[in-house]
Amino acid sequence: MGLEEYKSKRKFGETPEPQPEVRPEGDRLIFVVHKHAARNLHYDLRLELDGVLKSWAVPKGPSLDPSVKRLAMMVEDHPFDYKDFEGVIPEGNYGAGSVIIWDRGFYHHPSITDKGESGKLLREGLKKGDLKFVLEGEKLRGEFALVRMRKDEKAWLLLKKKDRYAGEKSILNENRSVESGKTLEELSSGTSFKKKISRIRLREAMEEEDLSDAPVSPMPHNIKPMLATLVKGPFDHPDWIFEMKWDGYRAVAEIRDGDVSLYSRNRTSLTQKFLPIAEALRDQGFNAVVDGEIVVVDDQGRPDFQMLQNYRKSKSGHLLYYVFDLLHFRGHDLTGLPLVRRKELLKKILPPVPKIKFSDHVWKEGILFFNVIKEKGLEGIVAKRSQSSYQPGKRSRQWLKVKTRLTQEGVIAGFTGPRGGRKYFGTLVLGVYEGDELVHIGSSGGGFDEKHLKEIRERLDPLIQKKCPFKVKPETTTPVTWVKPELVCEVAYAGWTEDAVMRQPVFLRLRDDKAASEVVREKPL
């Protein structure tokens, strides 16, 4: 074929690709597999023969499974020096995009290793359209064959022969260059290929990914997230994974055709409130529904709920969206798939942008993980059965939460008058729902600073009513001003009395992200 076609397609003053020179060298025939993100992501298999690299574009990449046949389109010969090429071909040039050396090594005919004799047999196989060869690469090893299809001289099939290197496991998950150690995405960073990078990530995520067991369905809307059940303490188990319990707003994100809807567990929109998160998700080029937690962390990476509540005004701290689940992707409902599989795919598709983070996990060692979290003064951990499905709106025993301190959400049902030098109010009278009935769980008078006192009173004044919201009116030592049971707060406490009232409840914060009707007494299993 020669190098004339290669030369005619390239502008060597603009592309970093090597000049078209025939230059054989070495005692052994070499091969190289390039991974190339051009208009479409593909792999290029190149075999040295007669001083050039005979080349085939393999759209779906090589496979080690003998039952799999891969289409391989023969393209122009490439110069021998192309074996060392890795880099970015600029826009406006043939094959514009990123190229990494995905694999490389030596190859020979199955019956002989001598370069001269092997080359003779390989030429005969190429001419006949039945080219058999053995690869000795860093990723690809063993016998392969290229078989020409009758209808199109350029169309071949790449096959793996049965040998000790064959297997069903995908080799394409090993997506780093054997030369630089970089992925295509890392090689492309800092270039103008922003949209192409997103396509690369998605295509790599879907390589060898079979979603046939995830039903095709329209993207759901306004999902109520799956909830975890409280347990007393941590545990170790080989079938469970353990995540950090983030101290923020639980948030579901729907990413649909470049539009993003971000909302809380009670389906209050968070899109405008945390616009930088929505904008970071908007540019990712895929349709999906993800579940996670919006947090603001300080310079040491510690979540700070107060900074989160004040973020729109203060802009202090670092706003992040920690994503831990993938519910719907590219038209497929993933909720029935095992959790670890959903998380593996999520990790692949998530963009490496500053405000979007993958919420990672540890396997098996929940006790050690919990102790580390507790030593750092953080909120707790969430234990999840690795094979669990996602159950929207349900509080499941497949997901368990372990807190480093006792906390309870409470519906504010009333307040008492201030005493001494305090202003605005004295205590908050709190309740939880048991069925449709609001039940008293105690009163909190500690944990407030003057800012909290003023803010809470301003929000309670429009809710004042004469009627007590409890079916059974609680006994109090001082008069209570009742309010409509709409505001939710969170308190820390020391335990429960025999009368099911909290001991020593201390106010922590308001919870605008929680619906009053969903507040129940949390009893650890």
Protein backbone atom coordinates (compact mmCIF):
# COMPACT_ATOMS: atom_id res chain seq x y z
CA MET A 1 0.00 0.00 0.00
CA GLY A 2 2.93 2.36 0.74
CA LEU A 3 2.83 5.71 2.53
CA GLU A 4 1.43 7.96 -0.20
CA GLU A 5 -2.10 7.87 1.20
CA TYR A 6 -0.78 8.58 4.72
CA LYS A 7 1.18 11.55 3.37
CA SER A 8 -1.73 12.96 1.34
CA LYS A 9 -4.06 13.11 4.35
CA ARG A 10 -1.77 15.10 6.66
CA LYS A 11 -0.40 18.64 6.99
CA PHE A 12 2.95 18.02 8.64
CA GLY A 13 3.48 21.66 9.54
CA GLU A 14 0.45 21.42 11.85
CA THR A 15 0.21 17.83 13.09
CA PRO A 16 2.80 16.31 15.46
CA GLU A 17 2.52 12.94 13.69
CA PRO A 18 5.77 11.51 12.23
CA GLN A 19 6.90 12.04 8.63
CA PRO A 20 6.21 9.25 6.09
CA GLU A 21 9.49 7.34 6.11
CA VAL A 22 10.04 3.63 5.56
CA ARG A 23 12.51 2.69 8.24
CA PRO A 24 12.54 -0.92 9.50
CA GLU A 25 14.69 -1.69 12.49
CA GLY A 26 15.27 -4.42 15.07
CA ASP A 27 15.42 -8.18 14.96
CA ARG A 28 11.77 -8.69 15.90
CA LEU A 29 8.54 -7.47 14.39
CA ILE A 30 6.71 -4.95 16.56
CA PHE A 31 3.04 -4.14 17.01
CA VAL A 32 1.26 -1.23 18.63
CA VAL A 33 -2.37 -0.53 19.52
CA HIS A 34 -3.33 3.14 19.62
CA LYS A 35 -6.48 4.32 21.36
CA HIS A 36 -7.75 7.27 19.36
CA ALA A 37 -10.49 9.76 20.26
CA ALA A 38 -11.19 11.29 16.85
CA ARG A 39 -14.72 11.87 15.57
CA ASN A 40 -15.45 8.49 17.15
CA LEU A 41 -13.50 6.65 19.81
CA HIS A 42 -11.71 3.60 18.38
CA TYR A 43 -8.59 1.46 18.58
CA ASP A 44 -5.93 1.20 15.84
CA LEU A 45 -4.10 -2.12 15.55
CA ARG A 46 -0.75 -1.65 13.75
CA LEU A 47 1.51 -4.53 12.69
CA GLU A 48 5.03 -3.94 11.36
CA LEU A 49 5.58 -5.46 7.92
CA ASP A 50 7.95 -4.41 5.10
CA GLY A 51 9.13 -1.29 6.90
CA VAL A 52 5.66 0.17 7.58
CA LEU A 53 2.83 -0.40 10.04
CA LYS A 54 -0.10 -2.20 8.47
CA SER A 55 -3.11 -0.65 10.19
CA TRP A 56 -6.71 -1.55 11.05
CA ALA A 57 -9.25 0.63 12.87
CA VAL A 58 -11.15 -1.49 15.41
CA PRO A 59 -14.24 0.52 16.51
CA LYS A 60 -15.10 -1.61 19.56
CA GLY A 61 -11.54 -2.52 20.47
CA PRO A 62 -9.89 -5.93 20.81
CA SER A 63 -11.39 -8.72 22.89
CA LEU A 64 -9.84 -11.72 24.66
CA ASP A 65 -13.05 -13.70 24.25
CA PRO A 66 -12.78 -16.24 21.38
CA SER A 67 -16.55 -16.07 20.84
CA VAL A 68 -16.40 -12.34 20.05
CA LYS A 69 -15.77 -11.07 16.51
CA ARG A 70 -14.64 -7.46 16.18
CA LEU A 71 -14.96 -5.48 12.96
CA ALA A 72 -11.54 -4.16 11.84
CA MET A 73 -11.40 -1.71 8.92
CA MET A 74 -8.07 -1.69 7.08
CA VAL A 75 -6.74 1.87 6.70
CA GLU A 76 -3.64 3.42 5.14
CA ASP A 77 -0.19 2.16 6.08
CA HIS A 78 1.54 4.23 8.77
CA PRO A 79 5.28 4.92 9.04
CA PHE A 80 7.35 2.76 11.37
CA ASP A 81 8.01 5.74 13.65
CA TYR A 82 4.29 5.97 14.37
CA LYS A 83 4.87 3.21 16.95
CA ASP A 84 6.12 5.92 19.33
CA PHE A 85 3.44 8.51 18.61
CA GLU A 86 1.26 9.68 21.49
CA GLY A 87 -0.28 13.13 21.65
CA VAL A 88 -2.99 15.47 20.44
CA ILE A 89 -3.73 15.99 16.75
CA PRO A 90 -5.01 19.60 16.45
CA GLU A 91 -8.46 20.54 15.16
CA GLY A 92 -8.58 21.03 11.40
CA ASN A 93 -6.28 18.05 10.80
CA TYR A 94 -7.12 14.55 9.69
CA GLY A 95 -7.97 12.43 12.74
CA ALA A 96 -8.08 15.45 15.08
CA GLY A 97 -8.16 14.30 18.69
CA SER A 98 -6.12 12.52 21.34
CA VAL A 99 -4.02 9.40 20.81
CA ILE A 100 -2.45 7.16 23.46
CA ILE A 101 -0.31 4.04 23.10
CA TRP A 102 -2.78 1.61 24.62
CA ASP A 103 -0.57 -1.45 24.09
CA ARG A 104 2.65 -2.44 22.36
CA GLY A 105 5.13 -5.29 22.06
CA PHE A 106 6.34 -7.88 19.58
CA TYR A 107 4.46 -10.25 17.31
CA HIS A 108 5.17 -13.22 15.04
CA HIS A 109 3.49 -15.91 12.98
CA PRO A 110 2.13 -18.77 15.15
CA SER A 111 4.45 -21.32 13.58
CA ILE A 112 7.77 -19.41 13.74
CA THR A 113 9.43 -16.53 15.62
CA ASP A 114 12.28 -15.69 13.22
CA LYS A 115 11.65 -12.22 11.75
CA GLY A 116 12.45 -13.15 8.17
CA GLU A 117 10.52 -16.42 8.01
CA SER A 118 7.69 -15.04 10.09
CA GLY A 119 7.41 -12.01 7.80
CA LYS A 120 7.12 -14.26 4.76
CA LEU A 121 4.24 -16.25 6.25
CA LEU A 122 2.54 -13.07 7.49
CA ARG A 123 2.70 -11.55 3.97
CA GLU A 124 1.08 -14.66 2.54
CA GLY A 125 -1.67 -14.54 5.17
CA LEU A 126 -2.28 -10.85 4.50
CA LYS A 127 -2.57 -11.50 0.76
CA LYS A 128 -4.99 -14.40 1.27
CA GLY A 129 -7.09 -12.44 3.76
CA ASP A 130 -6.37 -14.84 6.61
CA LEU A 131 -3.66 -13.32 8.79
CA LYS A 132 -2.74 -15.32 11.89
CA PHE A 133 -0.33 -13.90 14.47
CA VAL A 134 0.78 -14.11 18.10
CA LEU A 135 0.99 -10.91 20.19
CA GLU A 136 3.43 -10.45 23.04
CA GLY A 137 2.20 -7.19 24.49
CA GLU A 138 1.66 -5.66 27.90
CA LYS A 139 -2.12 -6.14 27.65
CA LEU A 140 -2.72 -8.38 24.63
CA ARG A 141 -1.06 -11.78 24.53
CA GLY A 142 -1.64 -14.99 22.64
CA GLU A 143 -2.87 -15.88 19.17
CA PHE A 144 -5.18 -13.68 17.13
CA ALA A 145 -6.39 -13.67 13.52
CA LEU A 146 -7.53 -11.06 11.03
CA VAL A 147 -9.96 -12.51 8.47
CA ARG A 148 -11.02 -10.47 5.46
CA MET A 149 -14.73 -10.32 4.69
CA ARG A 150 -15.75 -11.11 1.14
CA LYS A 151 -18.04 -8.16 0.45
CA ASP A 152 -15.53 -5.42 1.26
CA GLU A 153 -11.77 -5.78 0.85
CA LYS A 154 -11.15 -3.24 3.62
CA ALA A 155 -13.47 -4.95 6.11
CA TRP A 156 -11.87 -7.61 8.29
CA LEU A 157 -12.78 -9.45 11.48
CA LEU A 158 -10.39 -9.51 14.46
CA LEU A 159 -10.63 -12.80 16.36
CA LYS A 160 -8.99 -14.20 19.48
CA LYS A 161 -7.91 -17.84 19.32
CA LYS A 162 -8.47 -20.22 22.22
CA ASP A 163 -5.34 -20.39 24.33
CA ARG A 164 -4.23 -19.77 27.91
CA TYR A 165 -4.56 -15.99 27.44
CA ALA A 166 -8.21 -16.17 26.30
CA GLY A 167 -11.03 -15.22 28.64
CA GLU A 168 -14.37 -13.46 28.93
CA LYS A 169 -13.12 -10.60 31.12
CA SER A 170 -12.90 -7.28 29.27
CA ILE A 171 -9.42 -5.93 28.67
CA LEU A 172 -10.75 -2.50 27.67
CA ASN A 173 -11.21 -1.43 31.28
CA GLU A 174 -7.44 -1.03 31.35
CA ASN A 175 -7.68 2.38 29.73
CA ARG A 176 -4.26 3.91 30.45
CA SER A 177 -1.33 4.36 28.11
CA VAL A 178 1.50 1.87 28.49
CA GLU A 179 3.87 4.73 27.63
CA SER A 180 2.75 7.68 29.79
CA GLY A 181 0.24 6.08 32.13
CA LYS A 182 -2.36 8.67 31.08
CA THR A 183 -5.94 8.17 29.96
CA LEU A 184 -7.25 9.86 26.82
CA GLU A 185 -9.13 12.28 29.04
CA GLU A 186 -6.01 13.22 31.00
CA LEU A 187 -4.03 13.66 27.79
CA SER A 188 -6.78 15.97 26.47
CA SER A 189 -6.98 18.21 29.54
CA GLY A 190 -6.02 21.78 28.84
CA THR A 191 -6.96 21.47 25.15
CA SER A 192 -9.96 22.82 23.26
CA PHE A 193 -11.59 19.39 23.06
CA LYS A 194 -14.09 20.03 25.87
CA LYS A 195 -17.11 18.40 24.22
CA LYS A 196 -14.98 15.63 22.79
CA ILE A 197 -13.61 14.88 26.27
CA SER A 198 -17.16 14.37 27.54
CA ARG A 199 -17.83 11.98 24.68
CA ILE A 200 -14.59 10.13 25.45
CA ARG A 201 -15.62 9.64 29.07
CA LEU A 202 -19.05 8.34 28.13
CA ARG A 203 -17.75 6.05 25.42
CA GLU A 204 -15.11 4.63 27.76
CA ALA A 205 -17.75 4.16 30.43
CA MET A 206 -19.88 2.13 28.05
CA GLU A 207 -17.07 -0.02 26.62
CA GLU A 208 -18.00 -3.61 27.35
CA GLU A 209 -20.87 -2.30 29.52
CA ASP A 210 -24.03 -4.30 28.85
CA LEU A 211 -27.21 -2.66 30.15
CA SER A 212 -29.56 -5.24 28.63
CA ASP A 213 -30.61 -6.26 32.15
CA ALA A 214 -31.57 -2.65 32.95
CA PRO A 215 -35.01 -1.98 31.45
CA VAL A 216 -35.46 0.80 28.91
CA SER A 217 -37.73 3.44 30.40
CA PRO A 218 -38.46 7.18 30.26
CA MET A 219 -36.45 9.27 32.71
CA PRO A 220 -38.37 9.53 36.01
CA HIS A 221 -39.19 12.89 37.56
CA ASN A 222 -39.32 14.09 41.18
CA ILE A 223 -37.88 10.94 42.72
CA LYS A 224 -38.06 10.55 46.48
CA PRO A 225 -34.65 9.24 47.55
CA MET A 226 -34.07 5.93 49.29
CA LEU A 227 -33.45 6.35 53.04
CA ALA A 228 -31.25 4.50 55.52
CA THR A 229 -32.36 2.89 58.79
CA LEU A 230 -30.63 3.93 62.02
CA VAL A 231 -28.63 1.27 63.88
CA LYS A 232 -26.82 1.47 67.22
CA GLY A 233 -23.26 0.73 66.15
CA PRO A 234 -20.89 -0.10 63.29
CA PHE A 235 -20.07 -3.59 62.06
CA ASP A 236 -17.79 -5.48 59.68
CA HIS A 237 -19.20 -7.58 56.85
CA PRO A 238 -17.72 -8.79 53.53
CA ASP A 239 -20.97 -8.13 51.64
CA TRP A 240 -21.35 -4.50 52.74
CA ILE A 241 -19.74 -1.23 51.72
CA PHE A 242 -19.37 1.81 53.96
CA GLU A 243 -19.65 5.47 52.94
CA MET A 244 -19.21 8.71 54.83
CA LYS A 245 -22.45 10.27 56.08
CA TRP A 246 -22.22 13.77 54.63
CA ASP A 247 -23.50 16.69 56.71
CA GLY A 248 -25.46 18.52 54.03
CA TYR A 249 -28.60 18.57 51.88
CA ARG A 250 -29.65 15.30 50.26
CA ALA A 251 -30.16 16.14 46.60
CA VAL A 252 -31.33 14.30 43.49
CA ALA A 253 -30.20 15.68 40.11
CA GLU A 254 -32.02 15.06 36.83
CA ILE A 255 -29.78 15.83 33.85
CA ARG A 256 -31.88 15.94 30.69
CA ASP A 257 -30.76 17.27 27.27
CA GLY A 258 -28.48 19.90 28.78
CA ASP A 259 -31.05 20.96 31.40
CA VAL A 260 -30.60 20.20 35.11
CA SER A 261 -33.21 19.89 37.85
CA LEU A 262 -31.74 19.71 41.35
CA TYR A 263 -34.08 19.10 44.29
CA SER A 264 -34.17 18.02 47.94
CA ARG A 265 -35.66 14.88 49.47
CA ASN A 266 -38.97 16.72 49.95
CA ARG A 267 -38.74 17.80 46.27
CA THR A 268 -37.97 21.45 46.94
CA SER A 269 -35.99 22.90 44.06
CA LEU A 270 -32.31 23.56 44.82
CA THR A 271 -31.31 24.53 41.29
CA GLN A 272 -31.14 28.29 41.81
CA LYS A 273 -29.98 28.03 45.41
CA PHE A 274 -26.94 26.01 44.33
CA LEU A 275 -26.61 27.16 40.73
CA PRO A 276 -22.85 26.37 40.44
CA ILE A 277 -23.67 22.68 41.02
CA ALA A 278 -26.38 22.70 38.35
CA GLU A 279 -24.08 24.44 35.88
CA ALA A 280 -21.30 21.93 36.49
CA LEU A 281 -23.71 19.07 35.73
CA ARG A 282 -25.27 20.79 32.70
CA ASP A 283 -22.15 20.52 30.54
CA GLN A 284 -21.62 16.79 30.87
CA GLY A 285 -23.38 15.61 27.72
CA PHE A 286 -25.39 12.71 29.15
CA ASN A 287 -28.93 12.12 30.38
CA ALA A 288 -29.05 10.67 33.88
CA VAL A 289 -30.58 10.79 37.35
CA VAL A 290 -28.08 10.78 40.22
CA ASP A 291 -28.40 10.86 44.00
CA GLY A 292 -26.01 12.57 46.39
CA GLU A 293 -25.42 15.22 49.03
CA ILE A 294 -24.69 18.92 48.63
CA VAL A 295 -22.17 20.12 51.19
CA VAL A 296 -19.96 23.09 51.93
CA VAL A 297 -16.56 22.17 53.32
CA ASP A 298 -13.96 24.34 55.02
CA ASP A 299 -10.31 24.59 53.96
CA GLN A 300 -9.58 21.32 55.80
CA GLY A 301 -12.32 19.49 53.88
CA ARG A 302 -14.70 19.24 56.86
CA PRO A 303 -18.43 19.67 56.08
CA ASP A 304 -19.97 22.74 57.73
CA PHE A 305 -23.79 22.81 57.72
CA GLN A 306 -23.96 26.42 58.88
CA MET A 307 -21.83 27.55 55.93
CA LEU A 308 -24.07 25.50 53.64
CA GLN A 309 -27.21 27.25 54.88
CA ASN A 310 -25.60 30.66 54.42
CA TYR A 311 -23.78 29.88 51.17
CA ARG A 312 -25.93 32.01 48.84
CA LYS A 313 -25.19 35.11 50.89
CA SER A 314 -21.69 34.51 52.19
CA LYS A 315 -20.13 32.36 49.41
CA SER A 316 -17.70 31.18 52.12
CA GLY A 317 -16.35 27.64 52.05
CA HIS A 318 -16.20 25.23 49.12
CA LEU A 319 -19.49 24.11 47.58
CA LEU A 320 -19.47 20.44 46.50
CA TYR A 321 -21.91 17.80 45.30
CA TYR A 322 -20.89 14.34 46.51
CA VAL A 323 -22.67 11.84 44.24
CA PHE A 324 -23.11 8.28 45.49
CA ASP A 325 -25.71 6.63 43.24
CA LEU A 326 -26.84 6.42 39.61
CA LEU A 327 -30.55 5.71 39.14
CA HIS A 328 -31.15 6.27 35.44
CA PHE A 329 -28.69 6.51 32.55
CA ARG A 330 -29.14 6.91 28.80
CA GLY A 331 -32.72 5.66 28.80
CA HIS A 332 -32.13 2.74 31.18
CA ASP A 333 -33.63 2.29 34.65
CA LEU A 334 -30.70 1.19 36.83
CA THR A 335 -32.53 0.98 40.16
CA GLY A 336 -32.80 -2.81 39.95
CA LEU A 337 -29.07 -3.34 39.35
CA PRO A 338 -26.72 -4.13 42.27
CA LEU A 339 -25.41 -1.06 44.10
CA VAL A 340 -21.74 -1.77 43.35
CA ARG A 341 -22.47 -1.99 39.63
CA ARG A 342 -24.34 1.32 39.71
CA LYS A 343 -21.43 2.92 41.56
CA GLU A 344 -18.83 1.51 39.14
CA LEU A 345 -20.64 3.05 36.18
CA LEU A 346 -21.20 6.30 38.10
CA LYS A 347 -17.48 6.61 38.83
CA LYS A 348 -16.70 6.18 35.13
CA ILE A 349 -19.10 8.84 33.84
CA LEU A 350 -18.69 11.53 36.51
CA PRO A 351 -16.74 14.52 35.22
CA PRO A 352 -13.46 15.48 36.92
CA VAL A 353 -14.68 18.99 37.69
CA PRO A 354 -14.06 20.84 40.97
CA LYS A 355 -17.66 20.94 42.26
CA ILE A 356 -18.71 17.36 41.43
CA LYS A 357 -17.19 14.52 43.47
CA PHE A 358 -17.68 10.77 43.52
CA SER A 359 -18.57 9.62 47.04
CA ASP A 360 -16.28 6.64 47.43
CA HIS A 361 -16.56 3.79 49.90
CA VAL A 362 -14.62 1.12 51.77
CA TRP A 363 -15.36 -2.59 51.76
CA LYS A 364 -15.96 -4.83 54.80
CA GLU A 365 -14.25 -2.79 57.56
CA GLY A 366 -17.10 -0.70 58.92
CA ILE A 367 -15.85 -0.54 62.51
CA LEU A 368 -12.44 0.86 61.63
CA PHE A 369 -14.00 3.33 59.19
CA PHE A 370 -16.51 4.49 61.81
CA ASN A 371 -13.78 5.01 64.42
CA VAL A 372 -11.78 7.17 62.01
CA ILE A 373 -14.88 9.25 61.23
CA LYS A 374 -15.66 9.64 64.93
CA GLU A 375 -12.10 10.72 65.77
CA LYS A 376 -12.38 13.45 63.16
CA GLY A 377 -15.61 14.71 64.74
CA LEU A 378 -17.73 13.95 61.67
CA GLU A 379 -21.38 12.94 61.56
CA GLY A 380 -21.21 9.19 60.90
CA ILE A 381 -21.25 6.51 58.23
CA VAL A 382 -23.78 4.79 55.98
CA ALA A 383 -23.54 1.02 55.50
CA LYS A 384 -25.00 -0.39 52.29
CA ARG A 385 -25.43 -3.97 51.16
CA SER A 386 -23.27 -4.21 48.05
CA GLN A 387 -25.93 -6.02 46.01
CA SER A 388 -28.85 -3.82 47.10
CA SER A 389 -31.31 -2.36 44.61
CA TYR A 390 -32.45 1.27 44.86
CA GLN A 391 -35.91 1.64 46.42
CA PRO A 392 -37.17 5.21 45.88
CA GLY A 393 -38.93 6.73 48.87
CA LYS A 394 -38.37 3.74 51.16
CA ARG A 395 -36.43 3.54 54.41
CA SER A 396 -34.66 0.26 53.87
CA ARG A 397 -32.66 -2.15 56.01
CA GLN A 398 -30.39 -2.65 52.99
CA TRP A 399 -28.97 0.78 53.86
CA LEU A 400 -28.07 1.52 57.49
CA LYS A 401 -26.75 4.67 59.12
CA VAL A 402 -24.53 4.86 62.18
CA LYS A 403 -24.21 8.24 63.91
CA THR A 404 -21.29 9.37 66.04
CA ARG A 405 -23.79 11.13 68.34
CA LEU A 406 -27.51 10.84 69.01
CA THR A 407 -29.54 13.29 66.93
CA GLN A 408 -33.24 13.59 66.20
CA GLU A 409 -35.31 15.72 63.85
CA GLY A 410 -38.27 17.47 65.40
CA VAL A 411 -41.26 19.43 64.13
CA ILE A 412 -41.53 22.79 65.90
CA ALA A 413 -45.05 22.85 67.37
CA GLY A 414 -44.68 25.87 69.67
CA PHE A 415 -42.39 27.99 71.81
CA THR A 416 -42.26 29.40 75.30
CA GLY A 417 -41.51 32.99 76.31
CA PRO A 418 -37.93 34.12 77.04
CA ARG A 419 -36.61 34.40 80.59
CA GLY A 420 -33.85 36.41 82.17
CA GLY A 421 -31.74 38.22 79.61
CA ARG A 422 -32.74 36.02 76.67
CA LYS A 423 -34.72 37.52 73.79
CA TYR A 424 -37.27 36.19 71.28
CA PHE A 425 -38.20 32.83 72.92
CA GLY A 426 -37.22 30.42 75.70
CA THR A 427 -37.62 26.85 74.40
CA LEU A 428 -38.93 25.11 71.27
CA VAL A 429 -41.65 22.52 71.81
CA LEU A 430 -40.97 19.58 69.49
CA GLY A 431 -42.87 16.64 68.05
CA VAL A 432 -42.68 13.76 65.58
CA TYR A 433 -45.34 12.03 63.55
CA GLU A 434 -46.70 8.62 64.42
CA GLY A 435 -48.94 7.92 61.48
CA ASP A 436 -50.97 11.09 61.00
CA GLU A 437 -50.68 12.14 64.64
CA LEU A 438 -48.11 14.63 65.95
CA VAL A 439 -46.62 13.34 69.22
CA HIS A 440 -44.68 15.41 71.75
CA ILE A 441 -40.98 14.42 72.24
CA GLY A 442 -39.72 17.25 74.48
CA SER A 443 -38.51 20.86 74.46
CA SER A 444 -35.13 22.29 73.54
CA GLY A 445 -33.79 25.43 75.17
CA GLY A 446 -30.06 25.10 74.61
CA GLY A 447 -27.74 25.47 71.64
CA PHE A 448 -29.03 28.85 70.41
CA ASP A 449 -27.03 31.98 69.83
CA GLU A 450 -28.75 35.35 69.40
CA LYS A 451 -28.69 35.04 65.62
CA HIS A 452 -30.56 31.72 65.80
CA LEU A 453 -33.07 33.08 68.31
CA LYS A 454 -33.91 36.07 66.11
CA GLU A 455 -34.06 34.08 62.84
CA ILE A 456 -36.26 31.33 64.26
CA ARG A 457 -38.66 33.75 65.94
CA GLU A 458 -39.07 35.70 62.69
CA ARG A 459 -39.97 32.48 60.91
CA LEU A 460 -42.35 31.35 63.67
CA ASP A 461 -44.36 34.55 63.97
CA PRO A 462 -46.36 34.01 60.71
CA LEU A 463 -47.20 30.47 61.87
CA ILE A 464 -48.70 31.36 65.27
CA GLN A 465 -52.12 29.82 65.95
CA LYS A 466 -54.38 29.31 68.96
CA LYS A 467 -54.91 25.59 68.46
CA CYS A 468 -52.43 23.09 69.92
CA PRO A 469 -51.17 20.86 67.05
CA PHE A 470 -50.82 17.84 69.35
CA LYS A 471 -53.81 15.54 69.77
CA VAL A 472 -52.71 15.03 73.37
CA LYS A 473 -51.66 18.41 74.75
CA PRO A 474 -48.34 18.08 76.59
CA GLU A 475 -47.85 19.35 80.12
CA THR A 476 -45.48 22.33 80.28
CA THR A 477 -44.24 24.41 83.21
CA THR A 478 -44.68 27.69 81.30
CA PRO A 479 -47.29 28.89 78.77
CA VAL A 480 -46.74 27.87 75.15
CA THR A 481 -47.45 29.85 71.99
CA TRP A 482 -48.56 27.24 69.43
CA VAL A 483 -47.61 27.36 65.75
CA LYS A 484 -48.52 25.51 62.59
CA PRO A 485 -46.25 22.43 62.51
CA GLU A 486 -44.24 23.31 59.41
CA LEU A 487 -40.66 24.07 60.48
CA VAL A 488 -38.21 21.22 61.18
CA CYS A 489 -35.10 21.38 63.34
CA GLU A 490 -32.44 18.91 64.40
CA VAL A 491 -31.29 18.42 67.98
CA ALA A 492 -28.64 16.38 69.78
CA TYR A 493 -29.83 14.52 72.89
CA ALA A 494 -28.62 12.15 75.62
CA GLY A 495 -31.31 9.45 75.31
CA TRP A 496 -35.02 8.77 75.82
CA THR A 497 -36.99 8.74 79.08
CA GLU A 498 -39.56 6.08 79.93
CA ASP A 499 -42.21 8.55 78.74
CA ALA A 500 -40.55 8.67 75.25
CA VAL A 501 -39.28 12.23 75.76
CA MET A 502 -35.73 13.25 74.86
CA ARG A 503 -33.23 13.85 77.63
CA GLN A 504 -31.18 17.06 77.40
CA PRO A 505 -32.07 18.02 73.81
CA VAL A 506 -29.75 20.72 72.38
CA PHE A 507 -30.61 22.62 69.21
CA LEU A 508 -28.28 22.02 66.27
CA ARG A 509 -29.94 23.64 63.24
CA LEU A 510 -33.05 24.19 61.19
CA ARG A 511 -33.66 21.64 58.43
CA ASP A 512 -35.31 23.42 55.50
CA ASP A 513 -34.59 20.38 53.33
CA LYS A 514 -36.86 18.12 55.40
CA ALA A 515 -40.67 17.98 55.15
CA ALA A 516 -42.47 18.13 58.50
CA SER A 517 -44.81 15.26 57.52
CA GLU A 518 -41.80 12.92 57.14
CA VAL A 519 -40.33 13.53 60.60
CA VAL A 520 -40.56 10.38 62.72
CA ARG A 521 -38.90 9.10 65.86
CA GLU A 522 -35.65 7.38 64.92
CA LYS A 523 -35.20 4.17 66.86
CA PRO A 524 -31.99 2.25 66.18
CA LEU A 525 -32.36 -1.43 65.30
